[in-house]
Amino acid sequence: MQNISTIILDMYGVIIEESKGKFVPYTYTHFDASEHDRIRKLFREEQLFTRAGNGEISSDTFLSLLGYEDPQYHMKNYLDNYLTLDDGFIPFAEALYRKYDFVLLSNDVSEWSAHLTGHYGLNRYFKEKIVSGDVKCRKPDKRIFALTLDKIGRTAAECVFVDNSVINLEAAAALGMNPVLFNRDGEAYTGEIVNSFEELAQRFR
């Protein structure tokens, strides 16, 4: 792709196969059914997960408020054992990260993102990691895209943005980025679509 210097990648639904994660069902399974109304209120009414992902509370506080007695254990147990790294990502990254700057742009709890990239050995590929929990705003807010461009020192036109959410792609495109839908969830989209990292790699060769 001519004039492209940077590949900006989403985590959940792109690098990690689970687009919505599995933490909510993980939590319901962990606690007795008598606790489910309390947990539902924390997730839906008090937006506890969203607050953690926005950097308003730490992972330990988030998990403790849910009722987990060992927050560190459950963070690691969930992230290590209930999510799936797309097996096409490492070959894709190895083939291209020396030629293009790789940037992670993820809506996530700060500590969770740091653990995931460390657990899977991904840090070596990313020139920058922009995580909602760190910067206190999240996709599709255009501020996080503008912040990303400022952080990496690139123009929007130099960046390809890969996400599994159409609304996120539309926000990035409004700033001039080159959007690509990673078609994990079968969303309708009129722009460029790929179904795997193998297909995505073809766009850069």
N, C-alpha and C. Protein backbone atom coordinates (compact mmCIF):
# COMPACT_ATOMS: atom_id res chain seq x y z
N MET A 1 0.84 -1.19 0.00
CA MET A 1 0.00 0.00 0.00
C MET A 1 0.89 1.25 0.00
N GLN A 2 0.76 2.05 -1.02
CA GLN A 2 1.60 3.22 -1.14
C GLN A 2 1.27 4.25 -0.07
N ASN A 3 2.34 4.89 0.43
CA ASN A 3 2.24 5.98 1.40
C ASN A 3 1.73 5.55 2.77
N ILE A 4 1.58 4.25 3.00
CA ILE A 4 1.17 3.76 4.31
C ILE A 4 2.41 3.41 5.12
N SER A 5 2.48 3.96 6.34
CA SER A 5 3.62 3.69 7.21
C SER A 5 3.23 2.93 8.46
N THR A 6 1.93 2.93 8.80
CA THR A 6 1.50 2.47 10.12
C THR A 6 0.25 1.61 10.03
N ILE A 7 0.27 0.50 10.75
CA ILE A 7 -0.89 -0.38 10.86
C ILE A 7 -1.39 -0.32 12.30
N ILE A 8 -2.60 0.20 12.48
CA ILE A 8 -3.20 0.33 13.80
C ILE A 8 -4.22 -0.80 13.97
N LEU A 9 -4.06 -1.58 15.03
CA LEU A 9 -4.84 -2.80 15.21
C LEU A 9 -5.63 -2.80 16.51
N ASP A 10 -6.87 -3.23 16.42
CA ASP A 10 -7.70 -3.48 17.59
C ASP A 10 -7.26 -4.80 18.23
N MET A 11 -7.56 -4.96 19.53
CA MET A 11 -7.23 -6.21 20.21
C MET A 11 -8.37 -7.21 20.12
N TYR A 12 -9.50 -6.93 20.81
CA TYR A 12 -10.60 -7.90 20.88
C TYR A 12 -11.37 -7.94 19.56
N GLY A 13 -11.48 -9.12 19.00
CA GLY A 13 -12.16 -9.28 17.72
C GLY A 13 -11.21 -9.21 16.54
N VAL A 14 -9.96 -8.88 16.80
CA VAL A 14 -8.94 -8.87 15.74
C VAL A 14 -7.79 -9.76 16.19
N ILE A 15 -6.92 -9.25 17.05
CA ILE A 15 -5.79 -10.06 17.54
C ILE A 15 -6.29 -11.19 18.44
N ILE A 16 -7.23 -10.86 19.31
CA ILE A 16 -7.91 -11.87 20.13
C ILE A 16 -9.23 -12.22 19.45
N GLU A 17 -9.50 -13.50 19.30
CA GLU A 17 -10.66 -13.93 18.53
C GLU A 17 -11.98 -13.48 19.13
N GLU A 18 -12.08 -13.50 20.45
CA GLU A 18 -13.34 -13.15 21.10
C GLU A 18 -13.57 -11.64 21.01
N SER A 19 -14.55 -11.23 20.24
CA SER A 19 -14.77 -9.81 20.02
C SER A 19 -15.36 -9.11 21.24
N LYS A 20 -16.14 -9.81 22.02
CA LYS A 20 -16.76 -9.22 23.21
C LYS A 20 -16.14 -9.75 24.49
N GLY A 21 -15.15 -10.62 24.33
CA GLY A 21 -14.61 -11.25 25.53
C GLY A 21 -15.59 -12.24 26.12
N LYS A 22 -15.21 -12.83 27.24
CA LYS A 22 -16.08 -13.80 27.91
C LYS A 22 -16.16 -13.52 29.40
N PHE A 23 -15.79 -12.29 29.79
CA PHE A 23 -15.68 -12.05 31.22
C PHE A 23 -17.03 -12.03 31.92
N VAL A 24 -18.06 -11.50 31.29
CA VAL A 24 -19.38 -11.47 31.94
C VAL A 24 -19.88 -12.89 32.21
N PRO A 25 -19.89 -13.78 31.21
CA PRO A 25 -20.29 -15.16 31.53
C PRO A 25 -19.34 -15.85 32.50
N TYR A 26 -18.04 -15.54 32.42
CA TYR A 26 -17.07 -16.08 33.37
C TYR A 26 -17.50 -15.72 34.80
N THR A 27 -17.92 -14.48 34.99
CA THR A 27 -18.32 -14.01 36.32
C THR A 27 -19.59 -14.69 36.79
N TYR A 28 -20.58 -14.78 35.91
CA TYR A 28 -21.82 -15.45 36.31
C TYR A 28 -21.58 -16.91 36.68
N THR A 29 -20.66 -17.54 35.98
CA THR A 29 -20.35 -18.94 36.28
C THR A 29 -19.64 -19.08 37.62
N HIS A 30 -18.81 -18.10 37.95
CA HIS A 30 -18.02 -18.17 39.18
C HIS A 30 -18.88 -18.02 40.43
N PHE A 31 -19.88 -17.15 40.37
CA PHE A 31 -20.69 -16.87 41.55
C PHE A 31 -22.00 -17.66 41.54
N ASP A 32 -22.49 -17.96 42.73
CA ASP A 32 -23.76 -18.66 42.89
C ASP A 32 -24.90 -17.86 42.27
N ALA A 33 -25.93 -18.56 41.82
CA ALA A 33 -27.07 -17.90 41.18
C ALA A 33 -27.72 -16.85 42.07
N SER A 34 -27.62 -17.03 43.38
CA SER A 34 -28.19 -16.05 44.31
C SER A 34 -27.49 -14.70 44.21
N GLU A 35 -26.30 -14.66 43.62
CA GLU A 35 -25.53 -13.43 43.48
C GLU A 35 -25.75 -12.74 42.13
N HIS A 36 -26.47 -13.38 41.23
CA HIS A 36 -26.54 -12.89 39.86
C HIS A 36 -27.27 -11.55 39.72
N ASP A 37 -28.29 -11.32 40.52
CA ASP A 37 -28.97 -10.01 40.46
C ASP A 37 -28.02 -8.90 40.88
N ARG A 38 -27.24 -9.13 41.91
CA ARG A 38 -26.26 -8.14 42.36
C ARG A 38 -25.23 -7.87 41.27
N ILE A 39 -24.74 -8.92 40.65
CA ILE A 39 -23.73 -8.77 39.61
C ILE A 39 -24.31 -8.07 38.39
N ARG A 40 -25.53 -8.42 38.03
CA ARG A 40 -26.19 -7.80 36.88
C ARG A 40 -26.31 -6.29 37.09
N LYS A 41 -26.65 -5.88 38.29
CA LYS A 41 -26.75 -4.46 38.60
C LYS A 41 -25.40 -3.77 38.46
N LEU A 42 -24.35 -4.43 38.93
CA LEU A 42 -23.01 -3.83 38.82
C LEU A 42 -22.58 -3.66 37.37
N PHE A 43 -22.90 -4.63 36.54
CA PHE A 43 -22.53 -4.54 35.13
C PHE A 43 -23.42 -3.56 34.37
N ARG A 44 -24.73 -3.66 34.55
CA ARG A 44 -25.66 -2.90 33.71
C ARG A 44 -25.96 -1.50 34.24
N GLU A 45 -26.27 -1.41 35.51
CA GLU A 45 -26.67 -0.12 36.06
C GLU A 45 -25.49 0.73 36.51
N GLU A 46 -24.53 0.11 37.14
CA GLU A 46 -23.39 0.86 37.64
C GLU A 46 -22.23 0.90 36.64
N GLN A 47 -22.38 0.17 35.54
CA GLN A 47 -21.39 0.23 34.45
C GLN A 47 -19.97 -0.02 34.95
N LEU A 48 -19.82 -0.99 35.83
CA LEU A 48 -18.53 -1.23 36.48
C LEU A 48 -17.45 -1.60 35.47
N PHE A 49 -17.80 -2.44 34.50
CA PHE A 49 -16.83 -2.86 33.48
C PHE A 49 -16.39 -1.66 32.64
N THR A 50 -17.35 -0.85 32.24
CA THR A 50 -17.03 0.33 31.44
C THR A 50 -16.15 1.29 32.22
N ARG A 51 -16.42 1.47 33.50
CA ARG A 51 -15.60 2.36 34.33
C ARG A 51 -14.17 1.86 34.43
N ALA A 52 -14.00 0.54 34.52
CA ALA A 52 -12.65 -0.01 34.56
C ALA A 52 -11.95 0.20 33.22
N GLY A 53 -12.69 0.00 32.12
CA GLY A 53 -12.13 0.19 30.80
C GLY A 53 -11.83 1.64 30.47
N ASN A 54 -12.46 2.56 31.21
CA ASN A 54 -12.20 3.99 31.02
C ASN A 54 -11.12 4.51 31.97
N GLY A 55 -10.55 3.61 32.75
CA GLY A 55 -9.48 4.02 33.66
C GLY A 55 -9.97 4.73 34.90
N GLU A 56 -11.26 4.62 35.22
CA GLU A 56 -11.79 5.27 36.41
C GLU A 56 -11.48 4.47 37.67
N ILE A 57 -11.38 3.15 37.54
CA ILE A 57 -11.01 2.28 38.65
C ILE A 57 -10.01 1.25 38.13
N SER A 58 -9.18 0.74 39.04
CA SER A 58 -8.18 -0.25 38.66
C SER A 58 -8.81 -1.62 38.48
N SER A 59 -8.05 -2.52 37.91
CA SER A 59 -8.51 -3.91 37.76
C SER A 59 -8.81 -4.53 39.12
N ASP A 60 -7.90 -4.34 40.08
CA ASP A 60 -8.12 -4.93 41.40
C ASP A 60 -9.39 -4.39 42.05
N THR A 61 -9.63 -3.09 41.93
CA THR A 61 -10.85 -2.51 42.50
C THR A 61 -12.08 -3.05 41.80
N PHE A 62 -12.04 -3.11 40.47
CA PHE A 62 -13.14 -3.63 39.67
C PHE A 62 -13.51 -5.04 40.11
N LEU A 63 -12.51 -5.91 40.18
CA LEU A 63 -12.78 -7.30 40.52
C LEU A 63 -13.20 -7.46 41.97
N SER A 64 -12.63 -6.65 42.85
CA SER A 64 -13.03 -6.71 44.26
C SER A 64 -14.47 -6.27 44.45
N LEU A 65 -14.88 -5.23 43.74
CA LEU A 65 -16.26 -4.77 43.84
C LEU A 65 -17.24 -5.83 43.32
N LEU A 66 -16.81 -6.61 42.35
CA LEU A 66 -17.66 -7.71 41.87
C LEU A 66 -17.78 -8.82 42.90
N GLY A 67 -16.79 -8.90 43.80
CA GLY A 67 -16.84 -9.91 44.85
C GLY A 67 -15.73 -10.94 44.78
N TYR A 68 -14.80 -10.80 43.85
CA TYR A 68 -13.68 -11.73 43.76
C TYR A 68 -12.72 -11.51 44.93
N GLU A 69 -12.40 -12.59 45.63
CA GLU A 69 -11.53 -12.48 46.80
C GLU A 69 -10.05 -12.41 46.42
N ASP A 70 -9.70 -12.88 45.24
CA ASP A 70 -8.31 -12.84 44.78
C ASP A 70 -8.29 -12.22 43.38
N PRO A 71 -8.34 -10.89 43.29
CA PRO A 71 -8.45 -10.22 41.99
C PRO A 71 -7.32 -10.55 41.03
N GLN A 72 -6.10 -10.65 41.52
CA GLN A 72 -4.97 -10.93 40.63
C GLN A 72 -5.10 -12.31 40.01
N TYR A 73 -5.49 -13.28 40.80
CA TYR A 73 -5.66 -14.64 40.27
C TYR A 73 -6.72 -14.66 39.17
N HIS A 74 -7.85 -14.02 39.43
CA HIS A 74 -8.95 -14.11 38.46
C HIS A 74 -8.66 -13.29 37.20
N MET A 75 -7.95 -12.18 37.33
CA MET A 75 -7.53 -11.46 36.13
C MET A 75 -6.69 -12.38 35.25
N LYS A 76 -5.68 -13.00 35.83
CA LYS A 76 -4.77 -13.85 35.06
C LYS A 76 -5.46 -15.11 34.57
N ASN A 77 -6.28 -15.71 35.41
CA ASN A 77 -6.98 -16.93 35.01
C ASN A 77 -7.89 -16.67 33.82
N TYR A 78 -8.65 -15.57 33.87
CA TYR A 78 -9.54 -15.25 32.77
C TYR A 78 -8.76 -14.93 31.50
N LEU A 79 -7.79 -14.04 31.59
CA LEU A 79 -7.06 -13.61 30.39
C LEU A 79 -6.23 -14.74 29.78
N ASP A 80 -5.66 -15.57 30.62
CA ASP A 80 -4.79 -16.65 30.12
C ASP A 80 -5.56 -17.84 29.58
N ASN A 81 -6.73 -18.10 30.14
CA ASN A 81 -7.41 -19.37 29.84
C ASN A 81 -8.75 -19.26 29.13
N TYR A 82 -9.29 -18.05 28.99
CA TYR A 82 -10.62 -17.90 28.41
C TYR A 82 -10.64 -17.04 27.15
N LEU A 83 -9.48 -16.63 26.69
CA LEU A 83 -9.38 -15.86 25.46
C LEU A 83 -8.44 -16.59 24.51
N THR A 84 -8.57 -16.28 23.21
CA THR A 84 -7.84 -17.03 22.19
C THR A 84 -7.08 -16.08 21.28
N LEU A 85 -5.77 -16.20 21.25
CA LEU A 85 -4.97 -15.44 20.30
C LEU A 85 -5.20 -16.00 18.90
N ASP A 86 -5.56 -15.14 17.95
CA ASP A 86 -5.70 -15.59 16.56
C ASP A 86 -4.35 -16.12 16.09
N ASP A 87 -4.34 -17.38 15.63
CA ASP A 87 -3.05 -17.98 15.29
C ASP A 87 -2.44 -17.41 14.02
N GLY A 88 -3.17 -16.52 13.34
CA GLY A 88 -2.61 -15.86 12.18
C GLY A 88 -1.87 -14.58 12.51
N PHE A 89 -2.03 -14.08 13.76
CA PHE A 89 -1.43 -12.78 14.05
C PHE A 89 0.09 -12.80 14.08
N ILE A 90 0.69 -13.77 14.76
CA ILE A 90 2.15 -13.79 14.88
C ILE A 90 2.82 -13.88 13.51
N PRO A 91 2.39 -14.79 12.61
CA PRO A 91 2.99 -14.80 11.26
C PRO A 91 2.81 -13.48 10.52
N PHE A 92 1.63 -12.87 10.67
CA PHE A 92 1.36 -11.56 10.05
C PHE A 92 2.33 -10.51 10.59
N ALA A 93 2.46 -10.46 11.90
CA ALA A 93 3.33 -9.47 12.52
C ALA A 93 4.79 -9.70 12.15
N GLU A 94 5.22 -10.94 12.19
CA GLU A 94 6.62 -11.24 11.86
C GLU A 94 6.95 -10.83 10.43
N ALA A 95 5.99 -10.97 9.55
CA ALA A 95 6.22 -10.64 8.14
C ALA A 95 6.29 -9.14 7.88
N LEU A 96 5.61 -8.34 8.75
CA LEU A 96 5.41 -6.93 8.39
C LEU A 96 5.86 -5.89 9.40
N TYR A 97 6.16 -6.27 10.66
CA TYR A 97 6.38 -5.22 11.65
C TYR A 97 7.70 -4.48 11.47
N ARG A 98 8.61 -5.05 10.72
CA ARG A 98 9.86 -4.32 10.44
C ARG A 98 9.67 -3.31 9.31
N LYS A 99 8.67 -3.51 8.50
CA LYS A 99 8.41 -2.62 7.37
C LYS A 99 7.42 -1.52 7.74
N TYR A 100 6.46 -1.85 8.61
CA TYR A 100 5.44 -0.90 9.03
C TYR A 100 5.49 -0.74 10.55
N ASP A 101 5.13 0.43 11.04
CA ASP A 101 4.95 0.62 12.47
C ASP A 101 3.63 -0.01 12.88
N PHE A 102 3.67 -0.88 13.88
CA PHE A 102 2.47 -1.48 14.43
C PHE A 102 2.05 -0.71 15.68
N VAL A 103 0.76 -0.40 15.76
CA VAL A 103 0.20 0.32 16.91
C VAL A 103 -1.03 -0.43 17.39
N LEU A 104 -1.12 -0.67 18.70
CA LEU A 104 -2.30 -1.27 19.29
C LEU A 104 -3.24 -0.15 19.75
N LEU A 105 -4.51 -0.23 19.37
CA LEU A 105 -5.52 0.72 19.81
C LEU A 105 -6.70 -0.08 20.35
N SER A 106 -6.83 -0.12 21.68
CA SER A 106 -7.76 -1.07 22.30
C SER A 106 -8.59 -0.43 23.40
N ASN A 107 -9.88 -0.75 23.41
CA ASN A 107 -10.72 -0.45 24.56
C ASN A 107 -10.50 -1.58 25.58
N ASP A 108 -9.86 -1.24 26.69
CA ASP A 108 -9.54 -2.31 27.64
C ASP A 108 -9.15 -1.73 29.00
N VAL A 109 -9.24 -2.56 30.02
CA VAL A 109 -8.71 -2.23 31.33
C VAL A 109 -7.19 -2.19 31.21
N SER A 110 -6.56 -1.17 31.77
CA SER A 110 -5.12 -0.98 31.59
C SER A 110 -4.32 -2.23 31.93
N GLU A 111 -4.58 -2.78 33.11
CA GLU A 111 -3.81 -3.93 33.57
C GLU A 111 -4.06 -5.16 32.72
N TRP A 112 -5.27 -5.27 32.18
CA TRP A 112 -5.60 -6.42 31.34
C TRP A 112 -4.84 -6.37 30.02
N SER A 113 -4.81 -5.20 29.43
CA SER A 113 -4.09 -5.06 28.17
C SER A 113 -2.60 -5.35 28.35
N ALA A 114 -2.02 -4.80 29.42
CA ALA A 114 -0.60 -5.04 29.68
C ALA A 114 -0.33 -6.52 29.90
N HIS A 115 -1.22 -7.19 30.61
CA HIS A 115 -1.03 -8.62 30.85
C HIS A 115 -1.15 -9.41 29.56
N LEU A 116 -2.16 -9.12 28.75
CA LEU A 116 -2.36 -9.85 27.50
C LEU A 116 -1.16 -9.73 26.57
N THR A 117 -0.68 -8.51 26.36
CA THR A 117 0.43 -8.34 25.42
C THR A 117 1.70 -8.98 25.96
N GLY A 118 1.86 -8.99 27.28
CA GLY A 118 3.01 -9.67 27.86
C GLY A 118 2.88 -11.18 27.80
N HIS A 119 1.70 -11.68 28.13
CA HIS A 119 1.46 -13.13 28.15
C HIS A 119 1.70 -13.76 26.78
N TYR A 120 1.28 -13.08 25.73
CA TYR A 120 1.42 -13.63 24.38
C TYR A 120 2.68 -13.16 23.66
N GLY A 121 3.52 -12.39 24.34
CA GLY A 121 4.77 -11.95 23.74
C GLY A 121 4.58 -10.98 22.58
N LEU A 122 3.60 -10.08 22.71
CA LEU A 122 3.26 -9.19 21.61
C LEU A 122 3.96 -7.83 21.67
N ASN A 123 4.53 -7.50 22.81
CA ASN A 123 5.07 -6.15 22.97
C ASN A 123 6.15 -5.81 21.95
N ARG A 124 6.88 -6.79 21.53
CA ARG A 124 7.97 -6.55 20.58
C ARG A 124 7.48 -6.02 19.24
N TYR A 125 6.22 -6.25 18.93
CA TYR A 125 5.70 -5.84 17.63
C TYR A 125 5.17 -4.40 17.62
N PHE A 126 4.82 -3.87 18.78
CA PHE A 126 4.12 -2.59 18.81
C PHE A 126 5.04 -1.43 19.13
N LYS A 127 5.03 -0.44 18.24
CA LYS A 127 5.76 0.80 18.50
C LYS A 127 5.07 1.60 19.59
N GLU A 128 3.74 1.56 19.60
CA GLU A 128 2.95 2.24 20.62
C GLU A 128 1.73 1.39 20.96
N LYS A 129 1.25 1.54 22.20
CA LYS A 129 0.00 0.90 22.63
C LYS A 129 -0.88 1.98 23.25
N ILE A 130 -2.02 2.20 22.64
CA ILE A 130 -2.98 3.19 23.13
C ILE A 130 -4.18 2.42 23.67
N VAL A 131 -4.37 2.49 24.98
CA VAL A 131 -5.40 1.69 25.66
C VAL A 131 -6.35 2.64 26.38
N SER A 132 -7.65 2.39 26.24
CA SER A 132 -8.65 3.31 26.81
C SER A 132 -8.45 3.53 28.30
N GLY A 133 -8.09 2.47 29.01
CA GLY A 133 -7.89 2.61 30.44
C GLY A 133 -6.74 3.51 30.81
N ASP A 134 -5.79 3.66 29.90
CA ASP A 134 -4.64 4.55 30.13
C ASP A 134 -4.96 6.00 29.77
N VAL A 135 -5.70 6.20 28.68
CA VAL A 135 -5.89 7.56 28.14
C VAL A 135 -7.25 8.15 28.51
N LYS A 136 -8.10 7.36 29.19
CA LYS A 136 -9.38 7.84 29.74
C LYS A 136 -10.39 8.23 28.68
N CYS A 137 -10.28 7.68 27.49
CA CYS A 137 -11.35 7.77 26.50
C CYS A 137 -11.28 6.53 25.63
N ARG A 138 -12.36 6.26 24.88
CA ARG A 138 -12.45 4.97 24.20
C ARG A 138 -13.04 5.15 22.81
N LYS A 139 -12.73 4.20 21.94
CA LYS A 139 -13.38 4.14 20.64
C LYS A 139 -14.89 3.97 20.84
N PRO A 140 -15.73 4.61 20.05
CA PRO A 140 -15.44 5.36 18.81
C PRO A 140 -15.22 6.86 19.00
N ASP A 141 -14.96 7.32 20.21
CA ASP A 141 -14.70 8.74 20.44
C ASP A 141 -13.51 9.18 19.56
N LYS A 142 -13.73 10.19 18.76
CA LYS A 142 -12.69 10.64 17.84
C LYS A 142 -11.44 11.14 18.56
N ARG A 143 -11.60 11.50 19.83
CA ARG A 143 -10.44 11.99 20.57
C ARG A 143 -9.35 10.93 20.70
N ILE A 144 -9.75 9.66 20.81
CA ILE A 144 -8.73 8.63 20.98
C ILE A 144 -7.95 8.41 19.68
N PHE A 145 -8.61 8.63 18.55
CA PHE A 145 -7.91 8.52 17.27
C PHE A 145 -6.97 9.70 17.07
N ALA A 146 -7.44 10.89 17.43
CA ALA A 146 -6.58 12.07 17.33
C ALA A 146 -5.38 11.96 18.26
N LEU A 147 -5.62 11.45 19.46
CA LEU A 147 -4.53 11.24 20.41
C LEU A 147 -3.52 10.25 19.87
N THR A 148 -4.01 9.19 19.23
CA THR A 148 -3.13 8.18 18.65
C THR A 148 -2.25 8.79 17.57
N LEU A 149 -2.83 9.57 16.68
CA LEU A 149 -2.05 10.20 15.62
C LEU A 149 -0.99 11.14 16.19
N ASP A 150 -1.37 11.87 17.22
CA ASP A 150 -0.41 12.78 17.85
C ASP A 150 0.72 12.00 18.50
N LYS A 151 0.38 10.89 19.15
CA LYS A 151 1.37 10.07 19.84
C LYS A 151 2.38 9.45 18.88
N ILE A 152 1.90 8.99 17.74
CA ILE A 152 2.79 8.29 16.81
C ILE A 152 3.41 9.23 15.78
N GLY A 153 2.94 10.48 15.72
CA GLY A 153 3.53 11.44 14.81
C GLY A 153 3.29 11.13 13.35
N ARG A 154 2.12 10.61 13.05
CA ARG A 154 1.75 10.28 11.67
C ARG A 154 0.48 11.02 11.27
N THR A 155 0.30 11.21 9.98
CA THR A 155 -0.96 11.73 9.48
C THR A 155 -1.96 10.58 9.38
N ALA A 156 -3.23 10.93 9.38
CA ALA A 156 -4.26 9.90 9.25
C ALA A 156 -4.11 9.12 7.96
N ALA A 157 -3.74 9.80 6.88
CA ALA A 157 -3.64 9.15 5.58
C ALA A 157 -2.53 8.11 5.53
N GLU A 158 -1.58 8.19 6.45
CA GLU A 158 -0.49 7.22 6.49
C GLU A 158 -0.86 5.96 7.25
N CYS A 159 -2.05 5.92 7.83
CA CYS A 159 -2.43 4.83 8.73
C CYS A 159 -3.55 3.97 8.17
N VAL A 160 -3.38 2.67 8.30
CA VAL A 160 -4.46 1.71 8.11
C VAL A 160 -4.97 1.33 9.49
N PHE A 161 -6.29 1.39 9.68
CA PHE A 161 -6.88 1.04 10.96
C PHE A 161 -7.74 -0.21 10.78
N VAL A 162 -7.41 -1.26 11.54
CA VAL A 162 -8.09 -2.55 11.42
C VAL A 162 -8.89 -2.81 12.69
N ASP A 163 -10.19 -2.98 12.54
CA ASP A 163 -11.08 -3.18 13.69
C ASP A 163 -12.22 -4.09 13.25
N ASN A 164 -12.89 -4.72 14.21
CA ASN A 164 -14.04 -5.56 13.88
C ASN A 164 -15.36 -4.82 14.06
N SER A 165 -15.30 -3.53 14.41
CA SER A 165 -16.51 -2.75 14.65
C SER A 165 -16.67 -1.65 13.60
N VAL A 166 -17.80 -1.65 12.91
CA VAL A 166 -18.04 -0.66 11.87
C VAL A 166 -18.08 0.75 12.45
N ILE A 167 -18.68 0.93 13.62
CA ILE A 167 -18.77 2.27 14.19
C ILE A 167 -17.39 2.84 14.51
N ASN A 168 -16.47 1.97 14.92
CA ASN A 168 -15.10 2.43 15.17
C ASN A 168 -14.40 2.79 13.86
N LEU A 169 -14.64 1.99 12.83
CA LEU A 169 -14.04 2.27 11.53
C LEU A 169 -14.55 3.58 10.95
N GLU A 170 -15.83 3.84 11.13
CA GLU A 170 -16.40 5.09 10.61
C GLU A 170 -15.81 6.31 11.31
N ALA A 171 -15.57 6.19 12.61
CA ALA A 171 -14.96 7.30 13.34
C ALA A 171 -13.54 7.55 12.86
N ALA A 172 -12.79 6.48 12.62
CA ALA A 172 -11.42 6.62 12.13
C ALA A 172 -11.39 7.20 10.72
N ALA A 173 -12.32 6.73 9.88
CA ALA A 173 -12.38 7.20 8.49
C ALA A 173 -12.71 8.69 8.44
N ALA A 174 -13.52 9.16 9.40
CA ALA A 174 -13.88 10.58 9.42
C ALA A 174 -12.67 11.47 9.64
N LEU A 175 -11.62 10.91 10.24
CA LEU A 175 -10.37 11.66 10.44
C LEU A 175 -9.39 11.46 9.30
N GLY A 176 -9.74 10.57 8.36
CA GLY A 176 -8.89 10.36 7.20
C GLY A 176 -8.07 9.09 7.22
N MET A 177 -8.26 8.24 8.23
CA MET A 177 -7.55 6.96 8.25
C MET A 177 -8.13 6.02 7.19
N ASN A 178 -7.36 5.00 6.85
CA ASN A 178 -7.77 3.98 5.89
C ASN A 178 -8.35 2.79 6.66
N PRO A 179 -9.68 2.65 6.70
CA PRO A 179 -10.30 1.63 7.54
C PRO A 179 -10.41 0.27 6.86
N VAL A 180 -10.20 -0.79 7.63
CA VAL A 180 -10.38 -2.16 7.15
C VAL A 180 -11.17 -2.93 8.20
N LEU A 181 -12.28 -3.52 7.80
CA LEU A 181 -13.07 -4.34 8.71
C LEU A 181 -12.48 -5.74 8.79
N PHE A 182 -12.11 -6.17 9.99
CA PHE A 182 -11.74 -7.56 10.24
C PHE A 182 -13.06 -8.27 10.54
N ASN A 183 -13.51 -9.08 9.61
CA ASN A 183 -14.90 -9.54 9.59
C ASN A 183 -15.14 -10.71 10.55
N ARG A 184 -14.91 -10.45 11.82
CA ARG A 184 -15.07 -11.49 12.84
C ARG A 184 -16.54 -11.78 13.13
N ASP A 185 -17.38 -10.74 13.04
CA ASP A 185 -18.76 -10.87 13.50
C ASP A 185 -19.79 -10.74 12.39
N GLY A 186 -19.35 -10.69 11.14
CA GLY A 186 -20.28 -10.63 10.03
C GLY A 186 -21.07 -9.35 9.93
N GLU A 187 -20.47 -8.22 10.34
CA GLU A 187 -21.16 -6.94 10.23
C GLU A 187 -21.24 -6.49 8.77
N ALA A 188 -22.35 -5.84 8.42
CA ALA A 188 -22.49 -5.27 7.08
C ALA A 188 -21.59 -4.04 6.96
N TYR A 189 -20.84 -3.99 5.86
CA TYR A 189 -19.89 -2.88 5.69
C TYR A 189 -19.64 -2.70 4.20
N THR A 190 -19.61 -1.45 3.77
CA THR A 190 -19.41 -1.17 2.34
C THR A 190 -17.96 -0.91 1.99
N GLY A 191 -17.10 -0.82 3.01
CA GLY A 191 -15.69 -0.56 2.76
C GLY A 191 -14.87 -1.83 2.61
N GLU A 192 -13.58 -1.71 2.84
CA GLU A 192 -12.67 -2.85 2.66
C GLU A 192 -12.85 -3.85 3.80
N ILE A 193 -12.91 -5.13 3.45
CA ILE A 193 -13.16 -6.20 4.41
C ILE A 193 -12.10 -7.29 4.23
N VAL A 194 -11.59 -7.82 5.37
CA VAL A 194 -10.77 -9.02 5.34
C VAL A 194 -11.35 -10.01 6.33
N ASN A 195 -11.09 -11.27 6.10
CA ASN A 195 -11.61 -12.33 6.95
C ASN A 195 -10.54 -13.05 7.76
N SER A 196 -9.29 -12.67 7.56
CA SER A 196 -8.20 -13.33 8.26
C SER A 196 -6.94 -12.48 8.15
N PHE A 197 -5.95 -12.81 8.96
CA PHE A 197 -4.68 -12.10 8.86
C PHE A 197 -3.96 -12.44 7.56
N GLU A 198 -4.22 -13.62 7.03
CA GLU A 198 -3.64 -13.96 5.73
C GLU A 198 -4.16 -13.02 4.66
N GLU A 199 -5.47 -12.75 4.67
CA GLU A 199 -6.03 -11.79 3.70
C GLU A 199 -5.51 -10.39 3.95
N LEU A 200 -5.40 -10.02 5.21
CA LEU A 200 -4.91 -8.67 5.53
C LEU A 200 -3.48 -8.50 5.03
N ALA A 201 -2.66 -9.53 5.18
CA ALA A 201 -1.26 -9.43 4.73
C ALA A 201 -1.16 -9.15 3.25
N GLN A 202 -2.11 -9.66 2.47
CA GLN A 202 -2.07 -9.45 1.03
C GLN A 202 -2.21 -7.98 0.68
N ARG A 203 -2.86 -7.20 1.55
CA ARG A 203 -3.03 -5.76 1.27
C ARG A 203 -1.73 -5.00 1.36
N PHE A 204 -0.70 -5.61 1.96
CA PHE A 204 0.56 -4.91 2.20
C PHE A 204 1.71 -5.49 1.38
N ARG A 205 1.39 -6.27 0.38
CA ARG A 205 2.44 -6.89 -0.43
C ARG A 205 2.32 -6.48 -1.88
